[in-house]
Amino acid sequence: MTEKDKKAKPKLGVKSKAAIRRELEQATQKFLQVGGQVDNVPRGATAWEPGMRPPPSRPLFTEPPSERTPVPEVVATIEARRESLKESRKPSRKPGQKRSRKQVIYDDFGEPLRHVWVED
């Protein structure tokens, strides 16, 4: 299989934007051919008459809060697993051990010159 063949294969179930645009254009042309009409609506037009207020949107949190089911045994299991993981972890380094890190040395113009290892 060549590189060109790989690119030409479309993914299953995924359409490109160009394909979607083509389908929309074809559907619009078909609609117009059977006698459909497209109305142009001026910018800023609304369905509400002047002076009328739109109805308020659906208020949130109108129903009473639902009862929660306590699950202390599940919480206890999770906490026990967390504690056992804490105990099984080894400390990353000994308290007296020094740690090294890489530091970049820059020149006067801010360009990196080299890397050096520095102990903390």
PDB file of N, CA and C in Angstrom:
ATOM      1  N   MET A   1       0.831  -1.172   0.000  1.00  0.00           N
ATOM      2  CA  MET A   1       0.000   0.000   0.000  1.00  0.00           C
ATOM      3  C   MET A   1       0.883   1.245   0.000  1.00  0.00           C
ATOM      4  N   THR A   2       0.591   2.182  -0.866  1.00  0.00           N
ATOM      5  CA  THR A   2       1.403   3.389  -0.918  1.00  0.00           C
ATOM      6  C   THR A   2       0.868   4.424   0.056  1.00  0.00           C
ATOM      7  N   GLU A   3       1.663   5.459   0.242  1.00  0.00           N
ATOM      8  CA  GLU A   3       1.272   6.547   1.152  1.00  0.00           C
ATOM      9  C   GLU A   3       0.009   7.246   0.645  1.00  0.00           C
ATOM     10  N   LYS A   4      -0.123   7.346  -0.684  1.00  0.00           N
ATOM     11  CA  LYS A   4      -1.273   8.017  -1.290  1.00  0.00           C
ATOM     12  C   LYS A   4      -2.558   7.232  -1.020  1.00  0.00           C
ATOM     13  N   ASP A   5      -2.474   5.879  -1.075  1.00  0.00           N
ATOM     14  CA  ASP A   5      -3.637   5.035  -0.824  1.00  0.00           C
ATOM     15  C   ASP A   5      -4.106   5.147   0.619  1.00  0.00           C
ATOM     16  N   LYS A   6      -3.153   5.274   1.538  1.00  0.00           N
ATOM     17  CA  LYS A   6      -3.508   5.391   2.956  1.00  0.00           C
ATOM     18  C   LYS A   6      -4.279   6.678   3.216  1.00  0.00           C
ATOM     19  N   LYS A   7      -3.854   7.771   2.575  1.00  0.00           N
ATOM     20  CA  LYS A   7      -4.518   9.059   2.788  1.00  0.00           C
ATOM     21  C   LYS A   7      -5.889   9.097   2.134  1.00  0.00           C
ATOM     22  N   ALA A   8      -6.067   8.365   1.035  1.00  0.00           N
ATOM     23  CA  ALA A   8      -7.311   8.402   0.295  1.00  0.00           C
ATOM     24  C   ALA A   8      -8.436   7.653   1.011  1.00  0.00           C
ATOM     25  N   LYS A   9      -8.109   6.719   1.888  1.00  0.00           N
ATOM     26  CA  LYS A   9      -9.136   5.941   2.570  1.00  0.00           C
ATOM     27  C   LYS A   9      -9.805   6.772   3.663  1.00  0.00           C
ATOM     28  N   PRO A  10     -11.121   6.964   3.573  1.00  0.00           N
ATOM     29  CA  PRO A  10     -11.805   7.688   4.640  1.00  0.00           C
ATOM     30  C   PRO A  10     -12.005   6.789   5.849  1.00  0.00           C
ATOM     31  N   LYS A  11     -12.079   7.378   7.014  1.00  0.00           N
ATOM     32  CA  LYS A  11     -12.339   6.618   8.232  1.00  0.00           C
ATOM     33  C   LYS A  11     -13.822   6.253   8.255  1.00  0.00           C
ATOM     34  N   LEU A  12     -14.127   5.102   8.799  1.00  0.00           N
ATOM     35  CA  LEU A  12     -15.514   4.663   8.850  1.00  0.00           C
ATOM     36  C   LEU A  12     -16.324   5.541   9.782  1.00  0.00           C
ATOM     37  N   GLY A  13     -17.478   6.028   9.297  1.00  0.00           N
ATOM     38  CA  GLY A  13     -18.381   6.811  10.130  1.00  0.00           C
ATOM     39  C   GLY A  13     -17.957   8.247  10.350  1.00  0.00           C
ATOM     40  N   VAL A  14     -16.836   8.683   9.780  1.00  0.00           N
ATOM     41  CA  VAL A  14     -16.373  10.046   9.981  1.00  0.00           C
ATOM     42  C   VAL A  14     -16.402  10.760   8.637  1.00  0.00           C
ATOM     43  N   LYS A  15     -17.121  11.885   8.582  1.00  0.00           N
ATOM     44  CA  LYS A  15     -17.214  12.653   7.345  1.00  0.00           C
ATOM     45  C   LYS A  15     -16.348  13.893   7.464  1.00  0.00           C
ATOM     46  N   SER A  16     -15.780  14.289   6.362  1.00  0.00           N
ATOM     47  CA  SER A  16     -14.992  15.511   6.368  1.00  0.00           C
ATOM     48  C   SER A  16     -15.938  16.708   6.307  1.00  0.00           C
ATOM     49  N   LYS A  17     -15.421  17.878   6.645  1.00  0.00           N
ATOM     50  CA  LYS A  17     -16.239  19.085   6.592  1.00  0.00           C
ATOM     51  C   LYS A  17     -16.691  19.360   5.173  1.00  0.00           C
ATOM     52  N   ALA A  18     -15.827  19.092   4.202  1.00  0.00           N
ATOM     53  CA  ALA A  18     -16.189  19.313   2.806  1.00  0.00           C
ATOM     54  C   ALA A  18     -17.350  18.412   2.399  1.00  0.00           C
ATOM     55  N   ALA A  19     -17.337  17.158   2.866  1.00  0.00           N
ATOM     56  CA  ALA A  19     -18.428  16.234   2.543  1.00  0.00           C
ATOM     57  C   ALA A  19     -19.736  16.694   3.172  1.00  0.00           C
ATOM     58  N   ILE A  20     -19.676  17.187   4.394  1.00  0.00           N
ATOM     59  CA  ILE A  20     -20.880  17.680   5.073  1.00  0.00           C
ATOM     60  C   ILE A  20     -21.414  18.902   4.348  1.00  0.00           C
ATOM     61  N   ARG A  21     -20.528  19.816   3.936  1.00  0.00           N
ATOM     62  CA  ARG A  21     -20.964  21.009   3.190  1.00  0.00           C
ATOM     63  C   ARG A  21     -21.628  20.601   1.878  1.00  0.00           C
ATOM     64  N   ARG A  22     -21.036  19.620   1.199  1.00  0.00           N
ATOM     65  CA  ARG A  22     -21.594  19.145  -0.074  1.00  0.00           C
ATOM     66  C   ARG A  22     -22.995  18.575   0.142  1.00  0.00           C
ATOM     67  N   GLU A  23     -23.176  17.781   1.193  1.00  0.00           N
ATOM     68  CA  GLU A  23     -24.483  17.201   1.485  1.00  0.00           C
ATOM     69  C   GLU A  23     -25.512  18.280   1.797  1.00  0.00           C
ATOM     70  N   LEU A  24     -25.113  19.290   2.575  1.00  0.00           N
ATOM     71  CA  LEU A  24     -26.038  20.380   2.894  1.00  0.00           C
ATOM     72  C   LEU A  24     -26.425  21.159   1.635  1.00  0.00           C
ATOM     73  N   GLU A  25     -25.458  21.413   0.782  1.00  0.00           N
ATOM     74  CA  GLU A  25     -25.735  22.132  -0.466  1.00  0.00           C
ATOM     75  C   GLU A  25     -26.689  21.332  -1.345  1.00  0.00           C
ATOM     76  N   GLN A  26     -26.478  20.015  -1.442  1.00  0.00           N
ATOM     77  CA  GLN A  26     -27.365  19.162  -2.247  1.00  0.00           C
ATOM     78  C   GLN A  26     -28.778  19.135  -1.664  1.00  0.00           C
ATOM     79  N   ALA A  27     -28.878  19.052  -0.338  1.00  0.00           N
ATOM     80  CA  ALA A  27     -30.192  19.033   0.308  1.00  0.00           C
ATOM     81  C   ALA A  27     -30.916  20.356   0.083  1.00  0.00           C
ATOM     82  N   THR A  28     -30.190  21.464   0.136  1.00  0.00           N
ATOM     83  CA  THR A  28     -30.793  22.784  -0.089  1.00  0.00           C
ATOM     84  C   THR A  28     -31.279  22.899  -1.530  1.00  0.00           C
ATOM     85  N   GLN A  29     -30.463  22.471  -2.483  1.00  0.00           N
ATOM     86  CA  GLN A  29     -30.861  22.529  -3.890  1.00  0.00           C
ATOM     87  C   GLN A  29     -32.092  21.663  -4.144  1.00  0.00           C
ATOM     88  N   LYS A  30     -32.154  20.488  -3.539  1.00  0.00           N
ATOM     89  CA  LYS A  30     -33.304  19.595  -3.696  1.00  0.00           C
ATOM     90  C   LYS A  30     -34.556  20.252  -3.124  1.00  0.00           C
ATOM     91  N   PHE A  31     -34.428  20.900  -1.964  1.00  0.00           N
ATOM     92  CA  PHE A  31     -35.542  21.602  -1.328  1.00  0.00           C
ATOM     93  C   PHE A  31     -36.063  22.710  -2.231  1.00  0.00           C
ATOM     94  N   LEU A  32     -35.156  23.474  -2.831  1.00  0.00           N
ATOM     95  CA  LEU A  32     -35.563  24.579  -3.699  1.00  0.00           C
ATOM     96  C   LEU A  32     -36.193  24.063  -4.997  1.00  0.00           C
ATOM     97  N   GLN A  33     -35.725  22.926  -5.513  1.00  0.00           N
ATOM     98  CA  GLN A  33     -36.252  22.373  -6.767  1.00  0.00           C
ATOM     99  C   GLN A  33     -37.685  21.879  -6.611  1.00  0.00           C
ATOM    100  N   VAL A  34     -38.064  21.399  -5.437  1.00  0.00           N
ATOM    101  CA  VAL A  34     -39.427  20.913  -5.241  1.00  0.00           C
ATOM    102  C   VAL A  34     -40.370  22.033  -4.815  1.00  0.00           C
ATOM    103  N   GLY A  35     -39.919  23.270  -4.903  1.00  0.00           N
ATOM    104  CA  GLY A  35     -40.795  24.401  -4.615  1.00  0.00           C
ATOM    105  C   GLY A  35     -40.603  25.014  -3.251  1.00  0.00           C
ATOM    106  N   GLY A  36     -39.613  24.608  -2.524  1.00  0.00           N
ATOM    107  CA  GLY A  36     -39.353  25.206  -1.219  1.00  0.00           C
ATOM    108  C   GLY A  36     -38.861  26.633  -1.363  1.00  0.00           C
ATOM    109  N   GLN A  37     -39.020  27.395  -0.337  1.00  0.00           N
ATOM    110  CA  GLN A  37     -38.612  28.795  -0.377  1.00  0.00           C
ATOM    111  C   GLN A  37     -37.809  29.126   0.871  1.00  0.00           C
ATOM    112  N   VAL A  38     -36.771  29.935   0.715  1.00  0.00           N
ATOM    113  CA  VAL A  38     -35.947  30.358   1.834  1.00  0.00           C
ATOM    114  C   VAL A  38     -36.296  31.809   2.141  1.00  0.00           C
ATOM    115  N   ASP A  39     -36.697  32.063   3.386  1.00  0.00           N
ATOM    116  CA  ASP A  39     -37.014  33.426   3.804  1.00  0.00           C
ATOM    117  C   ASP A  39     -35.777  34.063   4.406  1.00  0.00           C
ATOM    118  N   ASN A  40     -35.491  35.279   3.991  1.00  0.00           N
ATOM    119  CA  ASN A  40     -34.385  36.022   4.580  1.00  0.00           C
ATOM    120  C   ASN A  40     -34.920  36.813   5.761  1.00  0.00           C
ATOM    121  N   VAL A  41     -34.313  36.618   6.908  1.00  0.00           N
ATOM    122  CA  VAL A  41     -34.724  37.307   8.130  1.00  0.00           C
ATOM    123  C   VAL A  41     -33.680  38.367   8.428  1.00  0.00           C
ATOM    124  N   PRO A  42     -34.107  39.616   8.630  1.00  0.00           N
ATOM    125  CA  PRO A  42     -33.122  40.664   8.904  1.00  0.00           C
ATOM    126  C   PRO A  42     -32.421  40.431  10.239  1.00  0.00           C
ATOM    127  N   ARG A  43     -31.181  40.908  10.311  1.00  0.00           N
ATOM    128  CA  ARG A  43     -30.387  40.765  11.528  1.00  0.00           C
ATOM    129  C   ARG A  43     -31.064  41.487  12.685  1.00  0.00           C
ATOM    130  N   GLY A  44     -31.095  40.863  13.841  1.00  0.00           N
ATOM    131  CA  GLY A  44     -31.670  41.467  15.047  1.00  0.00           C
ATOM    132  C   GLY A  44     -33.164  41.247  15.173  1.00  0.00           C
ATOM    133  N   ALA A  45     -33.789  40.552  14.230  1.00  0.00           N
ATOM    134  CA  ALA A  45     -35.227  40.303  14.310  1.00  0.00           C
ATOM    135  C   ALA A  45     -35.515  39.326  15.438  1.00  0.00           C
ATOM    136  N   THR A  46     -36.686  39.450  16.035  1.00  0.00           N
ATOM    137  CA  THR A  46     -37.079  38.578  17.124  1.00  0.00           C
ATOM    138  C   THR A  46     -38.536  38.200  16.967  1.00  0.00           C
ATOM    139  N   ALA A  47     -38.951  37.138  17.596  1.00  0.00           N
ATOM    140  CA  ALA A  47     -40.341  36.700  17.524  1.00  0.00           C
ATOM    141  C   ALA A  47     -41.206  37.444  18.532  1.00  0.00           C
ATOM    142  N   TRP A  48     -40.607  38.213  19.412  1.00  0.00           N
ATOM    143  CA  TRP A  48     -41.358  38.906  20.452  1.00  0.00           C
ATOM    144  C   TRP A  48     -41.810  40.272  19.961  1.00  0.00           C
ATOM    145  N   GLU A  49     -43.047  40.597  20.294  1.00  0.00           N
ATOM    146  CA  GLU A  49     -43.585  41.909  19.934  1.00  0.00           C
ATOM    147  C   GLU A  49     -42.919  42.974  20.805  1.00  0.00           C
ATOM    148  N   PRO A  50     -42.782  44.204  20.287  1.00  0.00           N
ATOM    149  CA  PRO A  50     -42.199  45.267  21.115  1.00  0.00           C
ATOM    150  C   PRO A  50     -43.026  45.484  22.379  1.00  0.00           C
ATOM    151  N   GLY A  51     -42.376  45.615  23.495  1.00  0.00           N
ATOM    152  CA  GLY A  51     -43.046  45.828  24.775  1.00  0.00           C
ATOM    153  C   GLY A  51     -43.363  44.541  25.508  1.00  0.00           C
ATOM    154  N   MET A  52     -43.349  43.411  24.832  1.00  0.00           N
ATOM    155  CA  MET A  52     -43.602  42.127  25.494  1.00  0.00           C
ATOM    156  C   MET A  52     -42.306  41.596  26.065  1.00  0.00           C
ATOM    157  N   ARG A  53     -42.386  40.972  27.208  1.00  0.00           N
ATOM    158  CA  ARG A  53     -41.199  40.357  27.798  1.00  0.00           C
ATOM    159  C   ARG A  53     -41.235  38.863  27.534  1.00  0.00           C
ATOM    160  N   PRO A  54     -40.113  38.270  27.198  1.00  0.00           N
ATOM    161  CA  PRO A  54     -40.099  36.821  27.005  1.00  0.00           C
ATOM    162  C   PRO A  54     -40.327  36.116  28.340  1.00  0.00           C
ATOM    163  N   PRO A  55     -40.896  34.916  28.297  1.00  0.00           N
ATOM    164  CA  PRO A  55     -41.109  34.205  29.559  1.00  0.00           C
ATOM    165  C   PRO A  55     -39.768  33.869  30.191  1.00  0.00           C
ATOM    166  N   PRO A  56     -39.739  33.834  31.505  1.00  0.00           N
ATOM    167  CA  PRO A  56     -38.470  33.509  32.167  1.00  0.00           C
ATOM    168  C   PRO A  56     -38.048  32.084  31.837  1.00  0.00           C
ATOM    169  N   SER A  57     -36.763  31.866  31.844  1.00  0.00           N
ATOM    170  CA  SER A  57     -36.269  30.518  31.592  1.00  0.00           C
ATOM    171  C   SER A  57     -36.621  29.627  32.777  1.00  0.00           C
ATOM    172  N   ARG A  58     -36.545  28.349  32.570  1.00  0.00           N
ATOM    173  CA  ARG A  58     -36.896  27.396  33.615  1.00  0.00           C
ATOM    174  C   ARG A  58     -36.006  27.618  34.834  1.00  0.00           C
ATOM    175  N   PRO A  59     -36.591  27.849  35.993  1.00  0.00           N
ATOM    176  CA  PRO A  59     -35.769  28.068  37.183  1.00  0.00           C
ATOM    177  C   PRO A  59     -35.029  26.796  37.580  1.00  0.00           C
ATOM    178  N   LEU A  60     -33.837  26.989  38.079  1.00  0.00           N
ATOM    179  CA  LEU A  60     -33.015  25.865  38.498  1.00  0.00           C
ATOM    180  C   LEU A  60     -33.280  25.523  39.959  1.00  0.00           C
ATOM    181  N   PHE A  61     -33.085  24.293  40.317  1.00  0.00           N
ATOM    182  CA  PHE A  61     -33.161  23.812  41.688  1.00  0.00           C
ATOM    183  C   PHE A  61     -34.521  24.089  42.323  1.00  0.00           C
ATOM    184  N   THR A  62     -35.592  23.821  41.607  1.00  0.00           N
ATOM    185  CA  THR A  62     -36.924  24.045  42.171  1.00  0.00           C
ATOM    186  C   THR A  62     -37.392  22.863  43.007  1.00  0.00           C
ATOM    187  N   GLU A  63     -36.906  21.667  42.704  1.00  0.00           N
ATOM    188  CA  GLU A  63     -37.333  20.502  43.460  1.00  0.00           C
ATOM    189  C   GLU A  63     -36.510  20.394  44.753  1.00  0.00           C
ATOM    190  N   PRO A  64     -37.079  19.771  45.768  1.00  0.00           N
ATOM    191  CA  PRO A  64     -36.343  19.647  47.031  1.00  0.00           C
ATOM    192  C   PRO A  64     -35.148  18.714  46.846  1.00  0.00           C
ATOM    193  N   PRO A  65     -34.117  18.895  47.663  1.00  0.00           N
ATOM    194  CA  PRO A  65     -32.941  18.023  47.527  1.00  0.00           C
ATOM    195  C   PRO A  65     -33.305  16.570  47.843  1.00  0.00           C
ATOM    196  N   SER A  66     -32.700  15.679  47.100  1.00  0.00           N
ATOM    197  CA  SER A  66     -32.990  14.262  47.314  1.00  0.00           C
ATOM    198  C   SER A  66     -32.171  13.752  48.497  1.00  0.00           C
ATOM    199  N   GLU A  67     -32.677  12.687  49.093  1.00  0.00           N
ATOM    200  CA  GLU A  67     -31.993  12.079  50.230  1.00  0.00           C
ATOM    201  C   GLU A  67     -30.758  11.340  49.736  1.00  0.00           C
ATOM    202  N   ARG A  68     -29.683  11.453  50.457  1.00  0.00           N
ATOM    203  CA  ARG A  68     -28.470  10.739  50.107  1.00  0.00           C
ATOM    204  C   ARG A  68     -28.371   9.459  50.909  1.00  0.00           C
ATOM    205  N   THR A  69     -27.865   8.451  50.260  1.00  0.00           N
ATOM    206  CA  THR A  69     -27.723   7.165  50.920  1.00  0.00           C
ATOM    207  C   THR A  69     -26.342   7.094  51.566  1.00  0.00           C
ATOM    208  N   PRO A  70     -26.284   6.960  52.891  1.00  0.00           N
ATOM    209  CA  PRO A  70     -24.970   6.866  53.526  1.00  0.00           C
ATOM    210  C   PRO A  70     -24.310   5.528  53.189  1.00  0.00           C
ATOM    211  N   VAL A  71     -23.026   5.591  52.884  1.00  0.00           N
ATOM    212  CA  VAL A  71     -22.275   4.376  52.549  1.00  0.00           C
ATOM    213  C   VAL A  71     -20.963   4.364  53.323  1.00  0.00           C
ATOM    214  N   PRO A  72     -21.036   4.275  54.648  1.00  0.00           N
ATOM    215  CA  PRO A  72     -19.813   4.330  55.448  1.00  0.00           C
ATOM    216  C   PRO A  72     -18.872   3.155  55.195  1.00  0.00           C
ATOM    217  N   GLU A  73     -19.431   1.983  54.862  1.00  0.00           N
ATOM    218  CA  GLU A  73     -18.560   0.830  54.632  1.00  0.00           C
ATOM    219  C   GLU A  73     -17.726   1.017  53.367  1.00  0.00           C
ATOM    220  N   VAL A  74     -18.278   1.675  52.354  1.00  0.00           N
ATOM    221  CA  VAL A  74     -17.519   1.930  51.129  1.00  0.00           C
ATOM    222  C   VAL A  74     -16.414   2.948  51.406  1.00  0.00           C
ATOM    223  N   VAL A  75     -16.759   4.003  52.144  1.00  0.00           N
ATOM    224  CA  VAL A  75     -15.774   5.021  52.495  1.00  0.00           C
ATOM    225  C   VAL A  75     -14.669   4.412  53.348  1.00  0.00           C
ATOM    226  N   ALA A  76     -15.030   3.551  54.278  1.00  0.00           N
ATOM    227  CA  ALA A  76     -14.027   2.901  55.134  1.00  0.00           C
ATOM    228  C   ALA A  76     -13.097   2.019  54.301  1.00  0.00           C
ATOM    229  N   THR A  77     -13.618   1.314  53.325  1.00  0.00           N
ATOM    230  CA  THR A  77     -12.793   0.470  52.457  1.00  0.00           C
ATOM    231  C   THR A  77     -11.802   1.317  51.667  1.00  0.00           C
ATOM    232  N   ILE A  78     -12.287   2.424  51.123  1.00  0.00           N
ATOM    233  CA  ILE A  78     -11.411   3.313  50.343  1.00  0.00           C
ATOM    234  C   ILE A  78     -10.315   3.896  51.222  1.00  0.00           C
ATOM    235  N   GLU A  79     -10.679   4.330  52.424  1.00  0.00           N
ATOM    236  CA  GLU A  79      -9.688   4.906  53.339  1.00  0.00           C
ATOM    237  C   GLU A  79      -8.657   3.865  53.756  1.00  0.00           C
ATOM    238  N   ALA A  80      -9.088   2.632  54.002  1.00  0.00           N
ATOM    239  CA  ALA A  80      -8.153   1.567  54.396  1.00  0.00           C
ATOM    240  C   ALA A  80      -7.173   1.271  53.254  1.00  0.00           C
ATOM    241  N   ARG A  81      -7.669   1.244  52.025  1.00  0.00           N
ATOM    242  CA  ARG A  81      -6.796   1.000  50.881  1.00  0.00           C
ATOM    243  C   ARG A  81      -5.794   2.137  50.730  1.00  0.00           C
ATOM    244  N   ARG A  82      -6.251   3.374  50.917  1.00  0.00           N
ATOM    245  CA  ARG A  82      -5.362   4.529  50.826  1.00  0.00           C
ATOM    246  C   ARG A  82      -4.261   4.465  51.879  1.00  0.00           C
ATOM    247  N   GLU A  83      -4.625   4.093  53.110  1.00  0.00           N
ATOM    248  CA  GLU A  83      -3.642   3.991  54.182  1.00  0.00           C
ATOM    249  C   GLU A  83      -2.629   2.876  53.907  1.00  0.00           C
ATOM    250  N   SER A  84      -3.117   1.744  53.375  1.00  0.00           N
ATOM    251  CA  SER A  84      -2.191   0.648  53.097  1.00  0.00           C
ATOM    252  C   SER A  84      -1.217   1.033  51.986  1.00  0.00           C
ATOM    253  N   LEU A  85      -1.661   1.819  51.033  1.00  0.00           N
ATOM    254  CA  LEU A  85      -0.763   2.282  49.976  1.00  0.00           C
ATOM    255  C   LEU A  85       0.280   3.250  50.526  1.00  0.00           C
ATOM    256  N   LYS A  86      -0.126   4.091  51.476  1.00  0.00           N
ATOM    257  CA  LYS A  86       0.827   5.026  52.090  1.00  0.00           C
ATOM    258  C   LYS A  86       1.924   4.277  52.828  1.00  0.00           C
ATOM    259  N   GLU A  87       1.542   3.217  53.543  1.00  0.00           N
ATOM    260  CA  GLU A  87       2.510   2.445  54.320  1.00  0.00           C
ATOM    261  C   GLU A  87       3.457   1.659  53.424  1.00  0.00           C
ATOM    262  N   SER A  88       2.958   1.187  52.273  1.00  0.00           N
ATOM    263  CA  SER A  88       3.782   0.347  51.409  1.00  0.00           C
ATOM    264  C   SER A  88       4.768   1.167  50.570  1.00  0.00           C
ATOM    265  N   ARG A  89       4.548   2.448  50.448  1.00  0.00           N
ATOM    266  CA  ARG A  89       5.471   3.282  49.674  1.00  0.00           C
ATOM    267  C   ARG A  89       6.794   3.436  50.403  1.00  0.00           C
ATOM    268  N   LYS A  90       7.855   3.406  49.634  1.00  0.00           N
ATOM    269  CA  LYS A  90       9.171   3.626  50.209  1.00  0.00           C
ATOM    270  C   LYS A  90       9.475   5.113  50.122  1.00  0.00           C
ATOM    271  N   PRO A  91      10.191   5.647  51.073  1.00  0.00           N
ATOM    272  CA  PRO A  91      10.557   7.056  50.955  1.00  0.00           C
ATOM    273  C   PRO A  91      11.450   7.243  49.730  1.00  0.00           C
ATOM    274  N   SER A  92      11.263   8.364  49.042  1.00  0.00           N
ATOM    275  CA  SER A  92      11.985   8.592  47.792  1.00  0.00           C
ATOM    276  C   SER A  92      13.488   8.726  48.020  1.00  0.00           C
ATOM    277  N   ARG A  93      13.888   9.293  49.158  1.00  0.00           N
ATOM    278  CA  ARG A  93      15.316   9.401  49.458  1.00  0.00           C
ATOM    279  C   ARG A  93      15.495   9.479  50.967  1.00  0.00           C
ATOM    280  N   LYS A  94      16.680   9.189  51.393  1.00  0.00           N
ATOM    281  CA  LYS A  94      16.958   9.222  52.823  1.00  0.00           C
ATOM    282  C   LYS A  94      17.069  10.669  53.269  1.00  0.00           C
ATOM    283  N   PRO A  95      16.742  10.952  54.532  1.00  0.00           N
ATOM    284  CA  PRO A  95      16.751  12.339  55.002  1.00  0.00           C
ATOM    285  C   PRO A  95      18.097  13.044  54.844  1.00  0.00           C
ATOM    286  N   GLY A  96      19.215  12.365  55.027  1.00  0.00           N
ATOM    287  CA  GLY A  96      20.512  13.018  54.926  1.00  0.00           C
ATOM    288  C   GLY A  96      21.069  13.044  53.515  1.00  0.00           C
ATOM    289  N   GLN A  97      20.401  12.389  52.581  1.00  0.00           N
ATOM    290  CA  GLN A  97      20.907  12.268  51.218  1.00  0.00           C
ATOM    291  C   GLN A  97      20.634  13.553  50.435  1.00  0.00           C
ATOM    292  N   LYS A  98      21.643  14.015  49.689  1.00  0.00           N
ATOM    293  CA  LYS A  98      21.477  15.215  48.893  1.00  0.00           C
ATOM    294  C   LYS A  98      20.869  14.856  47.549  1.00  0.00           C
ATOM    295  N   ARG A  99      20.195  15.816  46.973  1.00  0.00           N
ATOM    296  CA  ARG A  99      19.513  15.598  45.712  1.00  0.00           C
ATOM    297  C   ARG A  99      20.178  16.434  44.633  1.00  0.00           C
ATOM    298  N   SER A 100      20.403  15.851  43.473  1.00  0.00           N
ATOM    299  CA  SER A 100      21.015  16.582  42.369  1.00  0.00           C
ATOM    300  C   SER A 100      19.950  16.971  41.363  1.00  0.00           C
ATOM    301  N   ARG A 101      20.177  18.112  40.708  1.00  0.00           N
ATOM    302  CA  ARG A 101      19.261  18.549  39.653  1.00  0.00           C
ATOM    303  C   ARG A 101      20.070  19.207  38.544  1.00  0.00           C
ATOM    304  N   LYS A 102      19.505  19.218  37.369  1.00  0.00           N
ATOM    305  CA  LYS A 102      20.165  19.775  36.203  1.00  0.00           C
ATOM    306  C   LYS A 102      19.870  21.277  36.135  1.00  0.00           C
ATOM    307  N   GLN A 103      20.891  22.085  35.933  1.00  0.00           N
ATOM    308  CA  GLN A 103      20.710  23.533  35.848  1.00  0.00           C
ATOM    309  C   GLN A 103      21.333  24.021  34.549  1.00  0.00           C
ATOM    310  N   VAL A 104      20.663  24.965  33.895  1.00  0.00           N
ATOM    311  CA  VAL A 104      21.144  25.511  32.635  1.00  0.00           C
ATOM    312  C   VAL A 104      21.963  26.759  32.921  1.00  0.00           C
ATOM    313  N   ILE A 105      23.124  26.866  32.290  1.00  0.00           N
ATOM    314  CA  ILE A 105      23.971  28.054  32.390  1.00  0.00           C
ATOM    315  C   ILE A 105      23.743  28.871  31.118  1.00  0.00           C
ATOM    316  N   TYR A 106      23.414  30.165  31.293  1.00  0.00           N
ATOM    317  CA  TYR A 106      23.120  31.047  30.160  1.00  0.00           C
ATOM    318  C   TYR A 106      24.248  32.052  29.963  1.00  0.00           C
ATOM    319  N   ASP A 107      24.395  32.530  28.729  1.00  0.00           N
ATOM    320  CA  ASP A 107      25.383  33.576  28.475  1.00  0.00           C
ATOM    321  C   ASP A 107      24.744  34.936  28.731  1.00  0.00           C
ATOM    322  N   ASP A 108      25.473  36.029  28.423  1.00  0.00           N
ATOM    323  CA  ASP A 108      24.984  37.379  28.701  1.00  0.00           C
ATOM    324  C   ASP A 108      23.753  37.742  27.877  1.00  0.00           C
ATOM    325  N   PHE A 109      23.525  37.039  26.782  1.00  0.00           N
ATOM    326  CA  PHE A 109      22.400  37.362  25.906  1.00  0.00           C
ATOM    327  C   PHE A 109      21.194  36.461  26.147  1.00  0.00           C
ATOM    328  N   GLY A 110      21.270  35.597  27.146  1.00  0.00           N
ATOM    329  CA  GLY A 110      20.156  34.726  27.486  1.00  0.00           C
ATOM    330  C   GLY A 110      20.134  33.426  26.725  1.00  0.00           C
ATOM    331  N   GLU A 111      21.170  33.134  25.965  1.00  0.00           N
ATOM    332  CA  GLU A 111      21.243  31.881  25.221  1.00  0.00           C
ATOM    333  C   GLU A 111      21.838  30.795  26.116  1.00  0.00           C
ATOM    334  N   PRO A 112      21.288  29.574  26.082  1.00  0.00           N
ATOM    335  CA  PRO A 112      21.840  28.501  26.919  1.00  0.00           C
ATOM    336  C   PRO A 112      23.222  28.080  26.432  1.00  0.00           C
ATOM    337  N   LEU A 113      24.164  27.946  27.371  1.00  0.00           N
ATOM    338  CA  LEU A 113      25.528  27.527  27.037  1.00  0.00           C
ATOM    339  C   LEU A 113      25.723  26.036  27.294  1.00  0.00           C
ATOM    340  N   ARG A 114      25.356  25.595  28.516  1.00  0.00           N
ATOM    341  CA  ARG A 114      25.578  24.200  28.883  1.00  0.00           C
ATOM    342  C   ARG A 114      24.699  23.859  30.080  1.00  0.00           C
ATOM    343  N   HIS A 115      24.681  22.584  30.393  1.00  0.00           N
ATOM    344  CA  HIS A 115      23.951  22.067  31.554  1.00  0.00           C
ATOM    345  C   HIS A 115      24.964  21.599  32.580  1.00  0.00           C
ATOM    346  N   VAL A 116      24.682  21.888  33.847  1.00  0.00           N
ATOM    347  CA  VAL A 116      25.534  21.396  34.928  1.00  0.00           C
ATOM    348  C   VAL A 116      24.627  20.760  35.995  1.00  0.00           C
ATOM    349  N   TRP A 117      25.186  19.817  36.738  1.00  0.00           N
ATOM    350  CA  TRP A 117      24.452  19.187  37.822  1.00  0.00           C
ATOM    351  C   TRP A 117      24.769  19.891  39.120  1.00  0.00           C
ATOM    352  N   VAL A 118      23.724  20.287  39.868  1.00  0.00           N
ATOM    353  CA  VAL A 118      23.882  21.024  41.113  1.00  0.00           C
ATOM    354  C   VAL A 118      23.216  20.230  42.218  1.00  0.00           C
ATOM    355  N   GLU A 119      23.869  20.122  43.372  1.00  0.00           N
ATOM    356  CA  GLU A 119      23.278  19.432  44.513  1.00  0.00           C
ATOM    357  C   GLU A 119      22.538  20.427  45.378  1.00  0.00           C
ATOM    358  N   ASP A 120      21.331  20.059  45.781  1.00  0.00           N
ATOM    359  CA  ASP A 120      20.520  20.944  46.656  1.00  0.00           C
ATOM    360  C   ASP A 120      20.861  20.713  48.105  1.00  0.00           C
TER     361      ASP A 120
END
